[in-house]
N, C-alpha and C. Protein backbone atom coordinates (compact mmCIF):
# COMPACT_ATOMS: atom_id res chain seq x y z
N MET A 1 -6.17 27.28 12.43
CA MET A 1 -5.16 27.66 11.97
C MET A 1 -4.33 26.42 11.33
N GLU A 2 -3.90 26.67 10.17
CA GLU A 2 -3.11 25.52 10.02
C GLU A 2 -2.34 25.72 8.56
N ALA A 3 -0.96 25.26 8.74
CA ALA A 3 0.19 25.45 7.79
C ALA A 3 0.37 24.17 7.05
N ARG A 4 0.27 24.48 5.83
CA ARG A 4 0.66 23.09 4.76
C ARG A 4 1.95 23.51 3.76
N ALA A 5 2.33 22.45 3.60
CA ALA A 5 3.48 22.22 2.17
C ALA A 5 2.93 21.20 1.70
N ILE A 6 3.19 21.51 -0.05
CA ILE A 6 2.99 20.70 -1.17
C ILE A 6 4.43 20.35 -1.68
N SER A 7 4.18 19.09 -1.87
CA SER A 7 5.47 18.82 -3.01
C SER A 7 4.84 18.31 -4.19
N ARG A 8 4.98 18.36 -5.05
CA ARG A 8 4.48 17.87 -6.53
C ARG A 8 5.65 17.33 -7.54
N TYR A 9 4.93 16.20 -7.84
CA TYR A 9 6.01 15.69 -8.88
C TYR A 9 7.07 14.86 -8.62
N VAL A 10 7.03 14.47 -7.20
CA VAL A 10 8.35 13.71 -6.80
C VAL A 10 8.48 12.30 -7.29
N ARG A 11 9.78 11.95 -7.55
CA ARG A 11 9.76 10.73 -8.58
C ARG A 11 10.06 9.65 -7.74
N ILE A 12 8.64 9.42 -7.10
CA ILE A 12 8.61 8.07 -6.32
C ILE A 12 7.31 7.82 -6.03
N SER A 13 6.92 6.57 -6.06
CA SER A 13 5.63 5.81 -6.38
C SER A 13 4.86 6.20 -5.26
N PRO A 14 3.52 6.64 -5.10
CA PRO A 14 2.49 6.98 -4.21
C PRO A 14 2.53 5.81 -3.13
N ARG A 15 2.74 4.56 -3.72
CA ARG A 15 2.40 3.51 -2.78
C ARG A 15 3.75 3.58 -1.75
N LYS A 16 4.80 3.59 -2.11
CA LYS A 16 5.87 3.56 -1.30
C LYS A 16 5.94 4.78 -0.50
N VAL A 17 5.47 5.65 -0.63
CA VAL A 17 5.13 7.08 0.01
C VAL A 17 4.38 6.92 1.37
N LYS A 18 3.17 6.11 0.87
CA LYS A 18 1.99 5.83 2.27
C LYS A 18 2.55 5.17 3.36
N VAL A 19 3.56 4.25 2.92
CA VAL A 19 4.13 3.36 4.25
C VAL A 19 4.74 4.36 4.68
N VAL A 20 5.61 5.58 4.60
CA VAL A 20 6.49 6.24 5.55
C VAL A 20 5.22 7.35 5.99
N VAL A 21 4.22 7.72 5.25
CA VAL A 21 3.60 8.78 5.69
C VAL A 21 2.63 8.40 6.83
N ASP A 22 2.33 6.67 6.90
CA ASP A 22 1.18 6.28 8.10
C ASP A 22 2.19 6.30 9.11
N LEU A 23 3.47 6.72 9.32
CA LEU A 23 4.49 6.66 10.51
C LEU A 23 4.00 7.89 11.09
N ILE A 24 3.98 8.80 10.58
CA ILE A 24 4.01 10.08 10.99
C ILE A 24 2.79 11.18 11.36
N ARG A 25 1.43 10.39 10.95
CA ARG A 25 0.48 11.13 11.12
C ARG A 25 -0.19 11.00 12.20
N ASN A 26 -0.78 12.64 12.62
CA ASN A 26 -1.01 12.91 14.04
C ASN A 26 0.08 12.64 15.23
N LYS A 27 1.23 12.97 14.62
CA LYS A 27 2.39 13.00 15.53
C LYS A 27 3.07 14.29 15.63
N PRO A 28 3.36 14.68 16.92
CA PRO A 28 4.11 15.90 17.19
C PRO A 28 5.28 15.94 16.31
N VAL A 29 5.74 17.24 15.76
CA VAL A 29 6.51 17.67 14.82
C VAL A 29 7.95 16.74 15.14
N GLY A 30 8.47 16.98 16.60
CA GLY A 30 9.35 16.50 16.82
C GLY A 30 9.51 15.22 16.70
N VAL A 31 8.63 14.28 16.98
CA VAL A 31 8.44 13.05 17.20
C VAL A 31 8.51 12.30 15.36
N ALA A 32 7.85 13.23 14.95
CA ALA A 32 7.68 12.93 13.15
C ALA A 32 9.06 13.19 12.80
N MET A 33 9.84 14.26 13.31
CA MET A 33 10.90 14.37 12.63
C MET A 33 12.11 13.46 13.08
N GLY A 34 12.00 12.69 14.08
CA GLY A 34 12.58 11.76 14.51
C GLY A 34 12.43 10.39 13.90
N ILE A 35 11.32 10.31 13.73
CA ILE A 35 10.94 8.87 13.12
C ILE A 35 11.46 8.89 11.69
N LEU A 36 11.36 9.91 10.98
CA LEU A 36 11.76 10.21 9.52
C LEU A 36 13.12 10.15 9.49
N ASN A 37 14.03 10.62 10.41
CA ASN A 37 15.21 10.62 10.45
C ASN A 37 15.75 9.26 10.58
N ASN A 38 15.06 8.54 11.43
CA ASN A 38 15.61 6.89 11.71
C ASN A 38 14.91 5.97 10.47
N THR A 39 14.26 6.31 9.70
CA THR A 39 13.62 5.55 8.59
C THR A 39 14.55 4.96 7.33
N PRO A 40 14.53 3.79 7.29
CA PRO A 40 15.51 3.95 6.01
C PRO A 40 14.86 3.85 4.54
N LYS A 41 14.04 4.51 4.39
CA LYS A 41 13.08 4.75 3.08
C LYS A 41 13.52 5.84 2.13
N ALA A 42 13.08 5.69 0.73
CA ALA A 42 13.84 6.82 -0.19
C ALA A 42 12.44 7.98 0.31
N ALA A 43 11.63 7.71 0.47
CA ALA A 43 10.49 8.41 0.89
C ALA A 43 10.97 9.50 2.15
N SER A 44 11.43 8.95 3.00
CA SER A 44 11.78 9.85 4.35
C SER A 44 12.61 10.93 4.12
N GLU A 45 13.28 10.89 2.87
CA GLU A 45 14.24 12.47 2.80
C GLU A 45 13.26 13.20 2.27
N VAL A 46 12.51 12.88 1.32
CA VAL A 46 11.39 13.70 1.03
C VAL A 46 10.57 14.36 1.82
N LEU A 47 10.31 13.62 3.05
CA LEU A 47 9.23 13.99 3.69
C LEU A 47 9.70 14.99 4.76
N ILE A 48 11.32 14.76 5.09
CA ILE A 48 11.96 15.39 5.90
C ILE A 48 11.72 17.05 5.67
N LYS A 49 12.31 16.95 4.29
CA LYS A 49 12.35 18.07 3.34
C LYS A 49 10.92 18.96 3.40
N LEU A 50 9.61 18.35 3.28
CA LEU A 50 8.35 18.55 3.38
C LEU A 50 8.00 19.28 4.83
N LEU A 51 8.39 18.30 5.75
CA LEU A 51 8.24 18.83 6.98
C LEU A 51 8.67 20.20 7.65
N LYS A 52 9.97 20.42 7.03
CA LYS A 52 10.81 21.29 7.55
C LYS A 52 10.03 22.78 6.77
N SER A 53 9.56 22.58 5.56
CA SER A 53 9.04 23.49 4.97
C SER A 53 7.86 23.84 5.25
N ALA A 54 7.12 22.92 5.89
CA ALA A 54 5.70 22.97 6.56
C ALA A 54 5.82 23.76 7.84
N MET A 55 6.89 23.27 8.51
CA MET A 55 7.26 24.19 9.96
C MET A 55 7.69 25.70 9.60
N ALA A 56 8.52 25.95 8.99
CA ALA A 56 8.90 27.36 8.49
C ALA A 56 7.47 28.27 8.05
N ASN A 57 6.85 27.54 7.27
CA ASN A 57 5.34 28.16 6.97
C ASN A 57 4.76 28.38 8.00
N ALA A 58 4.38 27.69 9.05
CA ALA A 58 3.66 27.94 10.14
C ALA A 58 4.34 28.94 11.05
N GLU A 59 5.43 28.72 11.32
CA GLU A 59 6.37 29.91 12.04
C GLU A 59 6.43 31.41 11.25
N ASN A 60 6.79 31.28 10.27
CA ASN A 60 7.10 32.61 9.41
C ASN A 60 5.54 33.29 8.76
N ASN A 61 4.74 32.55 8.46
CA ASN A 61 3.58 33.02 7.81
C ASN A 61 2.30 33.10 8.69
N HIS A 62 2.13 32.32 9.52
CA HIS A 62 1.15 32.39 10.46
C HIS A 62 1.50 32.19 12.08
N ASN A 63 2.64 32.84 12.18
CA ASN A 63 3.01 33.04 13.61
C ASN A 63 2.55 32.04 14.54
N MET A 64 2.79 31.15 14.12
CA MET A 64 2.49 29.79 15.33
C MET A 64 3.43 29.22 15.85
N ASN A 65 3.21 28.76 17.23
CA ASN A 65 4.37 28.09 18.10
C ASN A 65 4.65 26.85 17.36
N VAL A 66 6.12 26.66 17.09
CA VAL A 66 6.57 25.37 16.40
C VAL A 66 6.77 24.31 17.47
N ASP A 67 6.50 24.72 18.84
CA ASP A 67 6.65 23.52 19.95
C ASP A 67 5.33 22.77 20.07
N LYS A 68 4.24 23.51 19.65
CA LYS A 68 2.71 23.00 19.70
C LYS A 68 2.39 22.12 18.73
N LEU A 69 3.00 22.33 17.51
CA LEU A 69 2.53 21.99 16.03
C LEU A 69 2.67 20.29 16.22
N TYR A 70 1.69 19.58 15.40
CA TYR A 70 1.51 18.32 14.91
C TYR A 70 1.31 18.02 13.82
N VAL A 71 1.17 16.91 13.15
CA VAL A 71 1.28 16.66 11.74
C VAL A 71 -0.67 16.34 11.66
N ALA A 72 -1.21 17.17 11.42
CA ALA A 72 -2.82 16.94 11.34
C ALA A 72 -3.06 16.21 10.31
N GLU A 73 -2.40 16.39 8.90
CA GLU A 73 -3.10 15.83 7.61
C GLU A 73 -1.73 15.36 7.16
N VAL A 74 -1.68 14.07 6.35
CA VAL A 74 -0.66 13.93 5.37
C VAL A 74 -1.07 12.97 4.44
N PHE A 75 -0.68 13.34 3.22
CA PHE A 75 -1.41 12.08 2.14
C PHE A 75 -0.46 12.24 1.00
N ALA A 76 -0.31 11.11 0.17
CA ALA A 76 0.41 11.20 -1.07
C ALA A 76 -0.51 10.79 -2.11
N ASN A 77 -0.87 11.35 -3.32
CA ASN A 77 -1.71 11.40 -4.51
C ASN A 77 -0.74 10.91 -5.67
N PRO A 78 -1.50 10.00 -6.36
CA PRO A 78 -0.63 9.75 -7.64
C PRO A 78 -0.33 11.09 -8.57
N GLY A 79 0.51 11.06 -9.06
CA GLY A 79 1.15 12.37 -10.34
C GLY A 79 1.01 11.76 -11.54
N PRO A 80 1.53 12.38 -12.59
CA PRO A 80 1.47 11.83 -13.90
C PRO A 80 2.67 10.87 -13.84
N ILE A 81 2.39 9.83 -14.97
CA ILE A 81 3.00 8.56 -14.96
C ILE A 81 3.92 8.88 -16.09
N LEU A 82 5.42 8.58 -16.14
CA LEU A 82 6.51 8.83 -17.29
C LEU A 82 6.08 7.08 -17.53
N LYS A 83 5.88 6.89 -18.79
CA LYS A 83 5.95 5.81 -19.52
C LYS A 83 7.24 5.70 -20.42
N ARG A 84 7.85 4.38 -20.19
CA ARG A 84 8.94 3.96 -20.87
C ARG A 84 8.88 2.74 -21.44
N ILE A 85 9.95 2.38 -22.16
CA ILE A 85 9.93 1.10 -23.09
C ILE A 85 10.82 0.53 -22.54
N MET A 86 10.66 -0.87 -22.33
CA MET A 86 12.09 -1.81 -22.11
C MET A 86 12.06 -2.82 -23.25
N PRO A 87 12.99 -2.87 -24.00
CA PRO A 87 13.06 -3.73 -25.03
C PRO A 87 13.12 -5.34 -24.49
N ARG A 88 12.19 -6.67 -24.94
CA ARG A 88 12.62 -7.80 -24.54
C ARG A 88 12.86 -8.60 -25.73
N ALA A 89 12.63 -10.06 -25.20
CA ALA A 89 13.12 -10.95 -26.43
C ALA A 89 12.03 -10.89 -27.95
N GLN A 90 12.47 -11.37 -28.77
CA GLN A 90 11.75 -11.78 -29.73
C GLN A 90 11.39 -10.17 -30.45
N GLY A 91 11.88 -9.20 -30.12
CA GLY A 91 11.33 -8.08 -30.53
C GLY A 91 10.29 -7.45 -30.02
N ARG A 92 9.50 -7.75 -28.91
CA ARG A 92 8.66 -7.19 -28.07
C ARG A 92 9.28 -5.96 -27.32
N ALA A 93 8.13 -5.35 -26.99
CA ALA A 93 8.57 -4.06 -25.73
C ALA A 93 7.62 -4.32 -24.56
N PHE A 94 8.29 -4.09 -23.47
CA PHE A 94 7.61 -4.09 -22.34
C PHE A 94 7.40 -2.51 -21.55
N ARG A 95 5.88 -2.52 -21.35
CA ARG A 95 5.85 -0.91 -20.87
C ARG A 95 6.71 -0.67 -19.29
N ILE A 96 7.37 0.15 -19.22
CA ILE A 96 7.82 0.54 -17.81
C ILE A 96 6.84 1.48 -17.02
N ASN A 97 6.36 1.72 -16.03
CA ASN A 97 5.96 2.94 -15.46
C ASN A 97 6.30 3.61 -14.31
N LYS A 98 7.22 4.60 -14.65
CA LYS A 98 7.79 5.36 -13.48
C LYS A 98 6.85 6.22 -12.88
N ARG A 99 6.35 6.05 -11.77
CA ARG A 99 4.98 6.85 -11.34
C ARG A 99 5.69 8.08 -10.38
N THR A 100 4.85 9.09 -10.42
CA THR A 100 5.19 10.38 -9.75
C THR A 100 4.17 10.36 -8.43
N SER A 101 4.52 11.57 -7.33
CA SER A 101 3.15 11.66 -6.38
C SER A 101 3.40 13.19 -6.30
N HIS A 102 2.35 13.42 -5.64
CA HIS A 102 2.02 14.74 -5.08
C HIS A 102 1.87 14.36 -3.70
N ILE A 103 2.62 15.13 -2.64
CA ILE A 103 2.87 14.67 -1.34
C ILE A 103 2.31 16.12 -0.75
N THR A 104 1.35 16.26 0.45
CA THR A 104 0.56 17.26 1.30
C THR A 104 0.78 17.04 2.28
N LEU A 105 1.30 17.97 3.12
CA LEU A 105 1.68 17.68 4.58
C LEU A 105 0.99 18.92 5.32
N VAL A 106 0.24 18.75 6.45
CA VAL A 106 -0.65 19.80 7.04
C VAL A 106 -0.59 19.58 8.49
N LEU A 107 0.02 21.22 8.98
CA LEU A 107 0.34 21.02 10.15
C LEU A 107 -0.42 21.90 11.31
N LYS A 108 -0.91 21.44 12.39
CA LYS A 108 -2.06 22.29 13.01
C LYS A 108 -1.34 22.62 14.50
N GLU A 109 -1.73 23.47 15.55
CA GLU A 109 -1.38 23.73 16.42
C GLU A 109 -2.02 22.87 17.55
N LYS A 110 -1.60 22.56 18.83
CA LYS A 110 -2.31 21.74 20.05
C LYS A 110 -2.74 22.70 20.67
N GLU A 111 -3.94 22.73 21.32
CA GLU A 111 -4.71 23.82 22.15
C GLU A 111 -4.03 23.40 23.55
């Protein structure tokens, strides 16, 4: 039995999300929430919201015990890239890629 939550089109680079994601993988839910609350990264806010959503899904949809939950899987895949242009010297234009992420978080119960 597993409960999952997916956040799509998050306007943060998957490379930046993966740094925080690696901190909470295979941790109990309470420990993961503590780590995210004390991590000064932009991705931690998004992951807190996602973790709360997955916990609510586990409790309400799958009748799982919240105290026994742990982060079984969590990963960030790249989403579509918003391509923007920055004007530069002598009439040139440089491309700016505003990257997005699709973040998936899976919770399972410990036996």
